[in-house]
Structures are given as structure tokens and as C-alpha cells.
Amino acid sequence: MNQTGATDKLRLYKASINCNWKSARKILDQKPGLQNEILNEREETALHVVAAATAEPKKMRRFVTKLLGEMTDEKKKSKNKGDYTALYLAAVAGNLEFVKIMVPVDPRTVGPMTVGSSIVELGRGFLGGVKKAVALCGNDDKVDTVDSSTLELGRTLLTIRGSGGKVRRKDMPLHAAALYGKYDIVKYILDHAVTNFGEVGWDEFNRDRFLEKCVEYDMFDIALEIVKKYLRPVSESPVTKPNSIWTNIKSGKHIDLT
């Protein structure tokens, strides 16, 4: 890489970490395509960088929205050297505003805890979904119709796993948020973004580990819903540690919530 190229990448990195779109726009005008290039030794694009940034919500929304409009879909799904997408990094960092933009509200998903819900439950009330979209946005935000391609990209991003050992033990953004105690991220994804998640990566191992972390970080409302949804014998839990949450919730062969 020549010195000029390195300088341009450093400038875009700084603009991204500070969510300064005015500076980023000038750089991209001078160096078209730089938004899709790797900026540092961690093999991160500008989107990865802003995922871990801290900025006030309106500034974050503006930067991420503008940047996404400049990027290809493949780069929006790209992983850094650690094998993480930008959405995964945002989930770990607790960057809720970033997650909301990358995985927008689907008006078809209404009501809390859609994970594992039936098609009837997922389709309940289009108007209710719009109301939730309004509630999630600030008073100064305009609620626009979310196009199908954006929704599909968000659903795809939710299923892309991060680094790990065996494939089935690699975590998706939802699991990563729970592992790091990011309640707002977990709640948002479950309440507003998940559709048919039970068919995509929601296996017994990561569900049990997810449940343990929910209890560990006092996410009891979420933990209770998971237990209700997936009630089964403690002996069948793939989590074999002596303090398995299935055992801690209630001793005995079965968990009884009645």
C-alpha cells in the first residue's frame, strides 16, 4: 500500500470512529470505492469501525445510513480478521442504534418474543407493527417503509455466525449480545427482528447457553419466555455443567412452571 492510500484509509477510519459523515463524504468523493475497502490490520471496513463507535443516536443514524447507501451488500456482510461481521461487533458492543439500522423493524413481527413463534403469531397485526416502529424511533424521525431487500439483508446478518470452535458452537449476533450482557440488543432482536429463528441456527446447545447468560445478567423476563417455549427434561439438556440453568431453575426431572 502506498503512503497516500494509507493516509486516505486512516482518514476514513477516524471519520468512521467519530461518526463524522461530513468528513467521510469528502474522503469518498476523493477516493471512490474506499467505503468497501479494508482500512486496518484487523481487516475492517468503515462499517466494522462504526459498529464499535460511540456517538449520540442521531449522529450514529445519519452516518450509518449514509455509509450503507454507498456500500455493496456483500461488503455489508463481510467479516473482519476475527471472523466477525459489523452487526456482530455492534451486538457485542451494545450499539443498539447500529443494530436498529442494520436489522430494521419488520411490521409483520408484532408482540414480544417472536422467537420460535408460529406463522399466525408472526403475522399478527400490521398496524401494530407500524406502531412499534414509531415507538422505536425518536420523535424527530420519519418512519419510512422498509423495502424487502433491506429486511432480507437484516435477516441474513442475524444468522451469520462469528468465530468459534465447532461450527454449531459459533455464536450469532443474538447469542453474542446475551454472552456480553447486552439486554437492549437481545430484547430488540427478539421482540422486533426475529422471524422463524427456530429454523435458522437456534439449536439446543446455543439455546441453553443463551438461557444461562440471560439469567447470569438478570434478563429474567427473556429467560422465562425461553423456558416456557422450550420446556423439556433437565436430563436432556446438552449443557452438562453441574450448575446448568435448567437444574437451577427447578430441581427434579422436569421444569414445572405451573
C-alpha atoms as a PDB file:
ATOM      1  CA  MET A   1       0.000   0.000   0.000  1.00  0.00           C
ATOM      2  CA  ASN A   2       1.422   3.421  -0.911  1.00  0.00           C
ATOM      3  CA  GLN A   3       1.619   6.224   1.647  1.00  0.00           C
ATOM      4  CA  THR A   4      -1.215   8.174   0.033  1.00  0.00           C
ATOM      5  CA  GLY A   5      -3.542   5.156   0.158  1.00  0.00           C
ATOM      6  CA  ALA A   6      -2.672   4.505   3.793  1.00  0.00           C
ATOM      7  CA  THR A   7      -3.364   8.116   4.687  1.00  0.00           C
ATOM      8  CA  ASP A   8      -6.770   8.044   2.994  1.00  0.00           C
ATOM      9  CA  LYS A   9      -7.720   4.882   4.867  1.00  0.00           C
ATOM     10  CA  LEU A  10      -6.616   6.390   8.168  1.00  0.00           C
ATOM     11  CA  ARG A  11      -8.708   9.476   7.481  1.00  0.00           C
ATOM     12  CA  LEU A  12     -11.788   7.378   6.744  1.00  0.00           C
ATOM     13  CA  TYR A  13     -11.120   5.279   9.850  1.00  0.00           C
ATOM     14  CA  LYS A  14     -11.050   8.412  12.015  1.00  0.00           C
ATOM     15  CA  ALA A  15     -14.199   9.781  10.372  1.00  0.00           C
ATOM     16  CA  SER A  16     -15.953   6.462  10.999  1.00  0.00           C
ATOM     17  CA  ILE A  17     -14.963   6.084  14.643  1.00  0.00           C
ATOM     18  CA  ASN A  18     -16.230   9.633  15.230  1.00  0.00           C
ATOM     19  CA  CYS A  19     -19.351   9.205  13.046  1.00  0.00           C
ATOM     20  CA  ASN A  20     -18.373  12.311  11.114  1.00  0.00           C
ATOM     21  CA  TRP A  21     -20.204  11.944   7.826  1.00  0.00           C
ATOM     22  CA  LYS A  22     -19.175  15.360   6.515  1.00  0.00           C
ATOM     23  CA  SER A  23     -15.517  14.329   6.646  1.00  0.00           C
ATOM     24  CA  ALA A  24     -16.257  10.838   5.320  1.00  0.00           C
ATOM     25  CA  ARG A  25     -18.173  12.267   2.373  1.00  0.00           C
ATOM     26  CA  LYS A  26     -15.213  14.428   1.365  1.00  0.00           C
ATOM     27  CA  ILE A  27     -12.869  11.452   1.548  1.00  0.00           C
ATOM     28  CA  LEU A  28     -15.179   9.229  -0.521  1.00  0.00           C
ATOM     29  CA  ASP A  29     -15.587  11.947  -3.135  1.00  0.00           C
ATOM     30  CA  GLN A  30     -11.809  11.985  -3.492  1.00  0.00           C
ATOM     31  CA  LYS A  31     -11.401   8.203  -3.269  1.00  0.00           C
ATOM     32  CA  PRO A  32     -14.492   6.458  -4.677  1.00  0.00           C
ATOM     33  CA  GLY A  33     -14.862   2.867  -3.526  1.00  0.00           C
ATOM     34  CA  LEU A  34     -12.889   3.318  -0.309  1.00  0.00           C
ATOM     35  CA  GLN A  35     -16.055   2.563   1.690  1.00  0.00           C
ATOM     36  CA  ASN A  36     -15.804  -1.053   0.543  1.00  0.00           C
ATOM     37  CA  GLU A  37     -12.103  -1.483   1.263  1.00  0.00           C
ATOM     38  CA  ILE A  38     -10.268  -2.824   4.307  1.00  0.00           C
ATOM     39  CA  LEU A  39      -8.972   0.036   6.447  1.00  0.00           C
ATOM     40  CA  ASN A  40      -6.705  -1.570   9.037  1.00  0.00           C
ATOM     41  CA  GLU A  41      -4.727  -4.649  10.057  1.00  0.00           C
ATOM     42  CA  ARG A  42      -7.880  -6.144  11.599  1.00  0.00           C
ATOM     43  CA  GLU A  43      -9.296  -6.232   8.074  1.00  0.00           C
ATOM     44  CA  GLU A  44     -12.181  -3.952   8.971  1.00  0.00           C
ATOM     45  CA  THR A  45     -14.241  -1.823   6.629  1.00  0.00           C
ATOM     46  CA  ALA A  46     -15.660   1.531   7.699  1.00  0.00           C
ATOM     47  CA  LEU A  47     -18.845  -0.321   8.693  1.00  0.00           C
ATOM     48  CA  HIS A  48     -16.942  -2.529  11.148  1.00  0.00           C
ATOM     49  CA  VAL A  49     -15.316   0.557  12.628  1.00  0.00           C
ATOM     50  CA  VAL A  50     -18.541   2.474  13.213  1.00  0.00           C
ATOM     51  CA  ALA A  51     -20.174  -0.636  14.699  1.00  0.00           C
ATOM     52  CA  ALA A  52     -17.997  -0.236  17.785  1.00  0.00           C
ATOM     53  CA  ALA A  53     -18.138   3.560  17.847  1.00  0.00           C
ATOM     54  CA  THR A  54     -19.902   5.652  20.466  1.00  0.00           C
ATOM     55  CA  ALA A  55     -21.900   8.639  19.308  1.00  0.00           C
ATOM     56  CA  GLU A  56     -25.227  10.236  20.050  1.00  0.00           C
ATOM     57  CA  PRO A  57     -28.088   8.371  18.299  1.00  0.00           C
ATOM     58  CA  LYS A  58     -28.944  10.953  15.649  1.00  0.00           C
ATOM     59  CA  LYS A  59     -25.305  11.254  14.574  1.00  0.00           C
ATOM     60  CA  MET A  60     -24.923   7.476  14.516  1.00  0.00           C
ATOM     61  CA  ARG A  61     -28.092   7.030  12.430  1.00  0.00           C
ATOM     62  CA  ARG A  62     -27.007   9.582   9.877  1.00  0.00           C
ATOM     63  CA  PHE A  63     -23.520   8.148   9.438  1.00  0.00           C
ATOM     64  CA  VAL A  64     -24.536   4.502   9.217  1.00  0.00           C
ATOM     65  CA  THR A  65     -27.478   5.183   6.897  1.00  0.00           C
ATOM     66  CA  LYS A  66     -25.337   7.245   4.536  1.00  0.00           C
ATOM     67  CA  LEU A  67     -22.499   4.720   4.597  1.00  0.00           C
ATOM     68  CA  LEU A  68     -24.787   1.782   3.860  1.00  0.00           C
ATOM     69  CA  GLY A  69     -26.103   3.643   0.849  1.00  0.00           C
ATOM     70  CA  GLU A  70     -22.565   3.665  -0.541  1.00  0.00           C
ATOM     71  CA  MET A  71     -21.689   0.007   0.134  1.00  0.00           C
ATOM     72  CA  THR A  72     -22.366  -3.222  -1.701  1.00  0.00           C
ATOM     73  CA  ASP A  73     -24.495  -5.867   0.009  1.00  0.00           C
ATOM     74  CA  GLU A  74     -21.566  -8.273   0.072  1.00  0.00           C
ATOM     75  CA  LYS A  75     -19.412  -5.793   1.964  1.00  0.00           C
ATOM     76  CA  LYS A  76     -22.233  -5.188   4.441  1.00  0.00           C
ATOM     77  CA  LYS A  77     -21.993  -8.903   5.246  1.00  0.00           C
ATOM     78  CA  SER A  78     -18.198  -9.110   5.189  1.00  0.00           C
ATOM     79  CA  LYS A  79     -16.171 -10.348   8.159  1.00  0.00           C
ATOM     80  CA  ASN A  80     -13.048  -8.909   9.701  1.00  0.00           C
ATOM     81  CA  LYS A  81      -9.889 -10.850  10.535  1.00  0.00           C
ATOM     82  CA  GLY A  82     -11.522 -12.147  13.715  1.00  0.00           C
ATOM     83  CA  ASP A  83     -14.368 -13.632  11.646  1.00  0.00           C
ATOM     84  CA  TYR A  84     -16.985 -11.113  12.789  1.00  0.00           C
ATOM     85  CA  THR A  85     -19.497  -9.090  10.789  1.00  0.00           C
ATOM     86  CA  ALA A  86     -20.161  -5.463  11.653  1.00  0.00           C
ATOM     87  CA  LEU A  87     -23.545  -6.448  13.099  1.00  0.00           C
ATOM     88  CA  TYR A  88     -21.883  -8.997  15.380  1.00  0.00           C
ATOM     89  CA  LEU A  89     -19.448  -6.342  16.656  1.00  0.00           C
ATOM     90  CA  ALA A  90     -22.328  -3.944  17.300  1.00  0.00           C
ATOM     91  CA  ALA A  91     -24.201  -6.616  19.271  1.00  0.00           C
ATOM     92  CA  VAL A  92     -21.162  -7.241  21.464  1.00  0.00           C
ATOM     93  CA  ALA A  93     -20.545  -3.513  21.933  1.00  0.00           C
ATOM     94  CA  GLY A  94     -24.194  -2.822  22.766  1.00  0.00           C
ATOM     95  CA  ASN A  95     -24.588  -0.397  19.857  1.00  0.00           C
ATOM     96  CA  LEU A  96     -28.392  -0.511  19.678  1.00  0.00           C
ATOM     97  CA  GLU A  97     -28.748   2.317  17.168  1.00  0.00           C
ATOM     98  CA  PHE A  98     -26.483   0.483  14.724  1.00  0.00           C
ATOM     99  CA  VAL A  99     -28.423  -2.759  15.188  1.00  0.00           C
ATOM    100  CA  LYS A 100     -31.749  -0.977  14.560  1.00  0.00           C
ATOM    101  CA  ILE A 101     -30.451   0.333  11.239  1.00  0.00           C
ATOM    102  CA  MET A 102     -28.908  -2.927  10.087  1.00  0.00           C
ATOM    103  CA  VAL A 103     -31.885  -5.010  11.215  1.00  0.00           C
ATOM    104  CA  PRO A 104     -34.917  -2.708  10.851  1.00  0.00           C
ATOM    105  CA  VAL A 105     -38.328  -3.409  12.314  1.00  0.00           C
ATOM    106  CA  ASP A 106     -40.379  -5.736  10.190  1.00  0.00           C
ATOM    107  CA  PRO A 107     -44.024  -4.545  10.502  1.00  0.00           C
ATOM    108  CA  ARG A 108     -45.084  -8.174  10.218  1.00  0.00           C
ATOM    109  CA  THR A 109     -43.410  -9.072  13.506  1.00  0.00           C
ATOM    110  CA  VAL A 110     -45.534  -7.918  16.415  1.00  0.00           C
ATOM    111  CA  GLY A 111     -45.567  -8.677  20.101  1.00  0.00           C
ATOM    112  CA  PRO A 112     -42.745  -9.715  22.398  1.00  0.00           C
ATOM    113  CA  MET A 113     -40.654 -12.835  21.997  1.00  0.00           C
ATOM    114  CA  THR A 114     -41.330 -13.853  18.411  1.00  0.00           C
ATOM    115  CA  VAL A 115     -38.529 -16.404  18.610  1.00  0.00           C
ATOM    116  CA  GLY A 116     -39.971 -19.779  17.692  1.00  0.00           C
ATOM    117  CA  SER A 117     -43.433 -18.289  17.198  1.00  0.00           C
ATOM    118  CA  SER A 118     -45.961 -19.697  14.789  1.00  0.00           C
ATOM    119  CA  ILE A 119     -46.736 -18.079  11.461  1.00  0.00           C
ATOM    120  CA  VAL A 120     -50.036 -16.836  12.918  1.00  0.00           C
ATOM    121  CA  GLU A 121     -48.230 -15.139  15.790  1.00  0.00           C
ATOM    122  CA  LEU A 122     -45.645 -13.605  13.469  1.00  0.00           C
ATOM    123  CA  GLY A 123     -48.301 -12.152  11.212  1.00  0.00           C
ATOM    124  CA  ARG A 124     -50.454 -10.629  13.946  1.00  0.00           C
ATOM    125  CA  GLY A 125     -51.436  -7.016  13.193  1.00  0.00           C
ATOM    126  CA  PHE A 126     -49.681  -4.973  10.515  1.00  0.00           C
ATOM    127  CA  LEU A 127     -50.763  -1.729  12.187  1.00  0.00           C
ATOM    128  CA  GLY A 128     -49.386  -2.943  15.474  1.00  0.00           C
ATOM    129  CA  GLY A 129     -46.019  -3.372  13.812  1.00  0.00           C
ATOM    130  CA  VAL A 130     -46.094   0.176  12.476  1.00  0.00           C
ATOM    131  CA  LYS A 131     -46.869   1.480  15.971  1.00  0.00           C
ATOM    132  CA  LYS A 132     -43.854  -0.404  17.299  1.00  0.00           C
ATOM    133  CA  ALA A 133     -41.712   1.120  14.564  1.00  0.00           C
ATOM    134  CA  VAL A 134     -42.856   4.584  15.625  1.00  0.00           C
ATOM    135  CA  ALA A 135     -42.128   3.801  19.265  1.00  0.00           C
ATOM    136  CA  LEU A 136     -38.603   2.637  18.421  1.00  0.00           C
ATOM    137  CA  CYS A 137     -37.778   5.854  16.573  1.00  0.00           C
ATOM    138  CA  GLY A 138     -37.185   9.233  18.123  1.00  0.00           C
ATOM    139  CA  ASN A 139     -39.756  11.995  17.826  1.00  0.00           C
ATOM    140  CA  ASP A 140     -37.724  13.667  15.112  1.00  0.00           C
ATOM    141  CA  ASP A 141     -37.588  10.567  12.941  1.00  0.00           C
ATOM    142  CA  LYS A 142     -39.717   9.842   9.928  1.00  0.00           C
ATOM    143  CA  VAL A 143     -40.886   6.238   9.722  1.00  0.00           C
ATOM    144  CA  ASP A 144     -40.292   5.067   6.173  1.00  0.00           C
ATOM    145  CA  THR A 145     -41.438   1.868   4.570  1.00  0.00           C
ATOM    146  CA  VAL A 146     -38.737  -0.771   4.839  1.00  0.00           C
ATOM    147  CA  ASP A 147     -38.084  -2.437   1.500  1.00  0.00           C
ATOM    148  CA  SER A 148     -37.941  -6.212   1.254  1.00  0.00           C
ATOM    149  CA  SER A 149     -34.256  -6.320   0.289  1.00  0.00           C
ATOM    150  CA  THR A 150     -33.292  -4.422   3.442  1.00  0.00           C
ATOM    151  CA  LEU A 151     -35.362  -6.770   5.587  1.00  0.00           C
ATOM    152  CA  GLU A 152     -33.807  -9.780   3.883  1.00  0.00           C
ATOM    153  CA  LEU A 153     -30.302  -8.434   4.448  1.00  0.00           C
ATOM    154  CA  GLY A 154     -31.101  -7.919   8.123  1.00  0.00           C
ATOM    155  CA  ARG A 155     -32.404 -11.464   8.476  1.00  0.00           C
ATOM    156  CA  THR A 156     -29.298 -12.811   6.765  1.00  0.00           C
ATOM    157  CA  LEU A 157     -26.974 -10.822   9.021  1.00  0.00           C
ATOM    158  CA  LEU A 158     -28.686 -12.235  12.101  1.00  0.00           C
ATOM    159  CA  THR A 159     -27.765 -15.764  11.020  1.00  0.00           C
ATOM    160  CA  ILE A 160     -24.084 -15.148  10.226  1.00  0.00           C
ATOM    161  CA  ARG A 161     -22.018 -16.690  12.980  1.00  0.00           C
ATOM    162  CA  GLY A 162     -18.875 -15.265  14.478  1.00  0.00           C
ATOM    163  CA  SER A 163     -15.664 -17.029  15.386  1.00  0.00           C
ATOM    164  CA  GLY A 164     -15.703 -20.235  17.397  1.00  0.00           C
ATOM    165  CA  GLY A 165     -14.620 -23.849  17.531  1.00  0.00           C
ATOM    166  CA  LYS A 166     -17.076 -26.346  16.125  1.00  0.00           C
ATOM    167  CA  VAL A 167     -19.472 -24.819  13.608  1.00  0.00           C
ATOM    168  CA  ARG A 168     -22.543 -25.438  15.756  1.00  0.00           C
ATOM    169  CA  ARG A 169     -20.906 -23.609  18.644  1.00  0.00           C
ATOM    170  CA  LYS A 170     -20.157 -20.438  16.768  1.00  0.00           C
ATOM    171  CA  ASP A 171     -22.400 -17.647  18.008  1.00  0.00           C
ATOM    172  CA  MET A 172     -24.794 -15.493  16.051  1.00  0.00           C
ATOM    173  CA  PRO A 173     -25.295 -11.815  16.997  1.00  0.00           C
ATOM    174  CA  LEU A 174     -28.232 -12.597  19.312  1.00  0.00           C
ATOM    175  CA  HIS A 175     -26.193 -15.119  21.289  1.00  0.00           C
ATOM    176  CA  ALA A 176     -23.173 -12.804  21.387  1.00  0.00           C
ATOM    177  CA  ALA A 177     -25.308  -9.992  22.837  1.00  0.00           C
ATOM    178  CA  ALA A 178     -26.500 -12.315  25.608  1.00  0.00           C
ATOM    179  CA  LEU A 179     -22.966 -13.556  26.310  1.00  0.00           C
ATOM    180  CA  TYR A 180     -21.889  -9.944  26.898  1.00  0.00           C
ATOM    181  CA  GLY A 181     -24.986  -8.975  28.871  1.00  0.00           C
ATOM    182  CA  LYS A 182     -26.404  -6.520  26.308  1.00  0.00           C
ATOM    183  CA  TYR A 183     -30.064  -6.623  27.330  1.00  0.00           C
ATOM    184  CA  ASP A 184     -31.299  -3.913  24.943  1.00  0.00           C
ATOM    185  CA  ILE A 185     -29.804  -5.718  21.953  1.00  0.00           C
ATOM    186  CA  VAL A 186     -31.232  -9.086  22.973  1.00  0.00           C
ATOM    187  CA  LYS A 187     -34.665  -7.604  23.637  1.00  0.00           C
ATOM    188  CA  TYR A 188     -34.752  -5.694  20.361  1.00  0.00           C
ATOM    189  CA  ILE A 189     -33.774  -8.668  18.231  1.00  0.00           C
ATOM    190  CA  LEU A 190     -36.247 -10.996  19.916  1.00  0.00           C
ATOM    191  CA  ASP A 191     -39.146  -8.530  20.011  1.00  0.00           C
ATOM    192  CA  HIS A 192     -38.823  -6.882  16.624  1.00  0.00           C
ATOM    193  CA  ALA A 193     -36.458  -8.591  14.259  1.00  0.00           C
ATOM    194  CA  VAL A 194     -36.584 -12.362  14.557  1.00  0.00           C
ATOM    195  CA  THR A 195     -38.733 -14.363  12.149  1.00  0.00           C
ATOM    196  CA  ASN A 196     -38.675 -18.157  12.070  1.00  0.00           C
ATOM    197  CA  PHE A 197     -35.448 -18.081  14.063  1.00  0.00           C
ATOM    198  CA  GLY A 198     -36.191 -21.579  15.314  1.00  0.00           C
ATOM    199  CA  GLU A 199     -35.371 -22.855  11.841  1.00  0.00           C
ATOM    200  CA  VAL A 200     -32.124 -20.950  11.497  1.00  0.00           C
ATOM    201  CA  GLY A 201     -29.385 -21.727  13.977  1.00  0.00           C
ATOM    202  CA  TRP A 202     -31.482 -21.983  17.136  1.00  0.00           C
ATOM    203  CA  ASP A 203     -30.257 -25.383  18.349  1.00  0.00           C
ATOM    204  CA  GLU A 204     -30.296 -26.904  21.818  1.00  0.00           C
ATOM    205  CA  PHE A 205     -26.713 -26.074  22.675  1.00  0.00           C
ATOM    206  CA  ASN A 206     -26.767 -22.362  21.890  1.00  0.00           C
ATOM    207  CA  ARG A 207     -30.294 -22.020  23.304  1.00  0.00           C
ATOM    208  CA  ASP A 208     -29.195 -23.430  26.647  1.00  0.00           C
ATOM    209  CA  ARG A 209     -26.058 -21.288  26.732  1.00  0.00           C
ATOM    210  CA  PHE A 210     -28.178 -18.276  25.760  1.00  0.00           C
ATOM    211  CA  LEU A 211     -30.561 -19.057  28.625  1.00  0.00           C
ATOM    212  CA  GLU A 212     -27.726 -19.335  31.133  1.00  0.00           C
ATOM    213  CA  LYS A 213     -26.348 -15.949  30.139  1.00  0.00           C
ATOM    214  CA  CYS A 214     -29.799 -14.345  30.337  1.00  0.00           C
ATOM    215  CA  VAL A 215     -30.068 -15.461  33.953  1.00  0.00           C
ATOM    216  CA  GLU A 216     -26.451 -14.557  34.711  1.00  0.00           C
ATOM    217  CA  TYR A 217     -27.092 -10.986  33.530  1.00  0.00           C
ATOM    218  CA  ASP A 218     -30.547 -10.703  35.177  1.00  0.00           C
ATOM    219  CA  MET A 219     -32.510 -10.890  31.924  1.00  0.00           C
ATOM    220  CA  PHE A 220     -35.173 -12.869  33.751  1.00  0.00           C
ATOM    221  CA  ASP A 221     -38.100 -11.849  31.545  1.00  0.00           C
ATOM    222  CA  ILE A 222     -36.326 -13.222  28.490  1.00  0.00           C
ATOM    223  CA  ALA A 223     -35.130 -16.341  30.326  1.00  0.00           C
ATOM    224  CA  LEU A 224     -38.662 -17.132  31.472  1.00  0.00           C
ATOM    225  CA  GLU A 225     -40.027 -16.933  27.940  1.00  0.00           C
ATOM    226  CA  ILE A 226     -37.300 -19.246  26.671  1.00  0.00           C
ATOM    227  CA  VAL A 227     -38.056 -21.761  29.416  1.00  0.00           C
ATOM    228  CA  LYS A 228     -41.781 -21.654  28.629  1.00  0.00           C
ATOM    229  CA  LYS A 229     -41.137 -22.086  24.933  1.00  0.00           C
ATOM    230  CA  TYR A 230     -38.695 -24.965  25.242  1.00  0.00           C
ATOM    231  CA  LEU A 231     -39.866 -26.860  28.336  1.00  0.00           C
ATOM    232  CA  ARG A 232     -38.224 -30.305  28.487  1.00  0.00           C
ATOM    233  CA  PRO A 233     -36.500 -32.744  30.866  1.00  0.00           C
ATOM    234  CA  VAL A 234     -33.409 -31.389  32.595  1.00  0.00           C
ATOM    235  CA  SER A 235     -31.591 -34.620  31.791  1.00  0.00           C
ATOM    236  CA  GLU A 236     -31.873 -33.824  28.084  1.00  0.00           C
ATOM    237  CA  SER A 237     -30.039 -30.510  28.342  1.00  0.00           C
ATOM    238  CA  PRO A 238     -26.837 -30.503  26.270  1.00  0.00           C
ATOM    239  CA  VAL A 239     -25.274 -28.162  28.826  1.00  0.00           C
ATOM    240  CA  THR A 240     -23.559 -30.612  31.124  1.00  0.00           C
ATOM    241  CA  LYS A 241     -22.119 -28.294  33.775  1.00  0.00           C
ATOM    242  CA  PRO A 242     -23.310 -29.117  37.314  1.00  0.00           C
ATOM    243  CA  ASN A 243     -24.840 -25.643  37.631  1.00  0.00           C
ATOM    244  CA  SER A 244     -26.874 -25.951  34.429  1.00  0.00           C
ATOM    245  CA  ILE A 245     -29.595 -23.317  34.483  1.00  0.00           C
ATOM    246  CA  TRP A 246     -32.165 -25.973  33.753  1.00  0.00           C
ATOM    247  CA  THR A 247     -31.238 -27.514  37.091  1.00  0.00           C
ATOM    248  CA  ASN A 248     -31.042 -24.205  38.924  1.00  0.00           C
ATOM    249  CA  ILE A 249     -34.496 -23.053  37.856  1.00  0.00           C
ATOM    250  CA  LYS A 250     -36.118 -26.041  39.469  1.00  0.00           C
ATOM    251  CA  SER A 251     -34.656 -29.272  40.727  1.00  0.00           C
ATOM    252  CA  GLY A 252     -36.242 -32.502  39.571  1.00  0.00           C
ATOM    253  CA  LYS A 253     -36.662 -34.374  36.322  1.00  0.00           C
ATOM    254  CA  HIS A 254     -38.814 -31.685  34.690  1.00  0.00           C
ATOM    255  CA  ILE A 255     -39.193 -27.952  34.987  1.00  0.00           C
ATOM    256  CA  ASP A 256     -42.679 -27.098  36.186  1.00  0.00           C
ATOM    257  CA  LEU A 257     -43.880 -23.530  35.688  1.00  0.00           C
ATOM    258  CA  THR A 258     -47.497 -24.117  36.709  1.00  0.00           C
END
